């Protein structure tokens, strides 16, 4: 995953169809690592048990 993604079209207002297009493009380029999925699963389980996640 890139640390910096240039956005030459980012001169206009935020939101709208252009925003959705950018989100769809980025979603297709990036995937969570297994460690992220494990952390989210652990936090969800702790939340269900009433334990703090931090």
C-alpha atoms as a PDB file:
ATOM      1  CA  UNK A   1       0.000   0.000   0.000  1.00  0.00           C
ATOM      2  CA  UNK A   2       1.355   3.405  -0.894  1.00  0.00           C
ATOM      3  CA  UNK A   3       2.124   5.976   1.792  1.00  0.00           C
ATOM      4  CA  UNK A   4       1.212   8.796  -0.573  1.00  0.00           C
ATOM      5  CA  UNK A   5      -1.351   8.780  -3.352  1.00  0.00           C
ATOM      6  CA  UNK A   6      -1.374  11.818  -5.592  1.00  0.00           C
ATOM      7  CA  UNK A   7      -4.744  13.340  -6.350  1.00  0.00           C
ATOM      8  CA  UNK A   8      -4.454  15.709  -9.310  1.00  0.00           C
ATOM      9  CA  UNK A   9      -8.250  16.062  -9.473  1.00  0.00           C
ATOM     10  CA  UNK A  10      -8.490  17.106  -5.816  1.00  0.00           C
ATOM     11  CA  UNK A  11      -9.005  20.812  -6.491  1.00  0.00           C
ATOM     12  CA  UNK A  12     -12.802  20.710  -6.311  1.00  0.00           C
ATOM     13  CA  UNK A  13     -15.217  20.271  -3.416  1.00  0.00           C
ATOM     14  CA  UNK A  14     -15.251  17.067  -1.383  1.00  0.00           C
ATOM     15  CA  UNK A  15     -18.052  14.544  -1.766  1.00  0.00           C
ATOM     16  CA  UNK A  16     -20.264  13.658  -4.693  1.00  0.00           C
ATOM     17  CA  UNK A  17     -19.648  11.178  -7.487  1.00  0.00           C
ATOM     18  CA  UNK A  18     -15.955  12.050  -7.735  1.00  0.00           C
ATOM     19  CA  UNK A  19     -15.495  11.064  -4.101  1.00  0.00           C
ATOM     20  CA  UNK A  20     -17.304   7.786  -4.649  1.00  0.00           C
ATOM     21  CA  UNK A  21     -15.165   7.072  -7.703  1.00  0.00           C
ATOM     22  CA  UNK A  22     -11.980   7.666  -5.679  1.00  0.00           C
ATOM     23  CA  UNK A  23     -13.158   5.458  -2.832  1.00  0.00           C
ATOM     24  CA  UNK A  24     -14.018   2.666  -5.270  1.00  0.00           C
ATOM     25  CA  UNK A  25     -10.598   2.945  -6.912  1.00  0.00           C
ATOM     26  CA  UNK A  26      -8.729   2.861  -3.602  1.00  0.00           C
ATOM     27  CA  UNK A  27     -10.889   0.008  -2.285  1.00  0.00           C
ATOM     28  CA  UNK A  28      -9.912  -2.047  -5.308  1.00  0.00           C
ATOM     29  CA  UNK A  29      -6.193  -1.356  -4.741  1.00  0.00           C
ATOM     30  CA  UNK A  30      -5.877  -2.057  -1.018  1.00  0.00           C
ATOM     31  CA  UNK A  31      -6.613  -5.052   1.157  1.00  0.00           C
ATOM     32  CA  UNK A  32      -6.263  -5.432   4.926  1.00  0.00           C
ATOM     33  CA  UNK A  33      -3.463  -7.649   6.194  1.00  0.00           C
ATOM     34  CA  UNK A  34      -4.285 -10.765   8.217  1.00  0.00           C
ATOM     35  CA  UNK A  35      -2.992  -8.979  11.334  1.00  0.00           C
ATOM     36  CA  UNK A  36      -5.616  -6.246  10.902  1.00  0.00           C
ATOM     37  CA  UNK A  37      -8.384  -8.806  10.589  1.00  0.00           C
ATOM     38  CA  UNK A  38      -7.136 -10.643  13.699  1.00  0.00           C
ATOM     39  CA  UNK A  39      -7.054  -7.386  15.689  1.00  0.00           C
ATOM     40  CA  UNK A  40     -10.582  -6.451  14.629  1.00  0.00           C
ATOM     41  CA  UNK A  41     -11.870  -9.921  15.524  1.00  0.00           C
ATOM     42  CA  UNK A  42     -10.173  -9.748  18.951  1.00  0.00           C
ATOM     43  CA  UNK A  43     -11.571  -6.263  19.632  1.00  0.00           C
ATOM     44  CA  UNK A  44     -15.064  -7.353  18.626  1.00  0.00           C
ATOM     45  CA  UNK A  45     -14.870 -10.337  20.981  1.00  0.00           C
ATOM     46  CA  UNK A  46     -13.606  -8.132  23.838  1.00  0.00           C
ATOM     47  CA  UNK A  47     -16.381  -5.610  23.208  1.00  0.00           C
ATOM     48  CA  UNK A  48     -19.013  -8.332  23.381  1.00  0.00           C
ATOM     49  CA  UNK A  49     -17.556  -9.412  26.744  1.00  0.00           C
ATOM     50  CA  UNK A  50     -17.579  -5.835  28.038  1.00  0.00           C
ATOM     51  CA  UNK A  51     -13.780  -5.513  28.193  1.00  0.00           C
ATOM     52  CA  UNK A  52     -12.029  -2.298  27.110  1.00  0.00           C
ATOM     53  CA  UNK A  53     -10.175  -2.603  23.800  1.00  0.00           C
ATOM     54  CA  UNK A  54      -7.418  -0.134  24.612  1.00  0.00           C
END
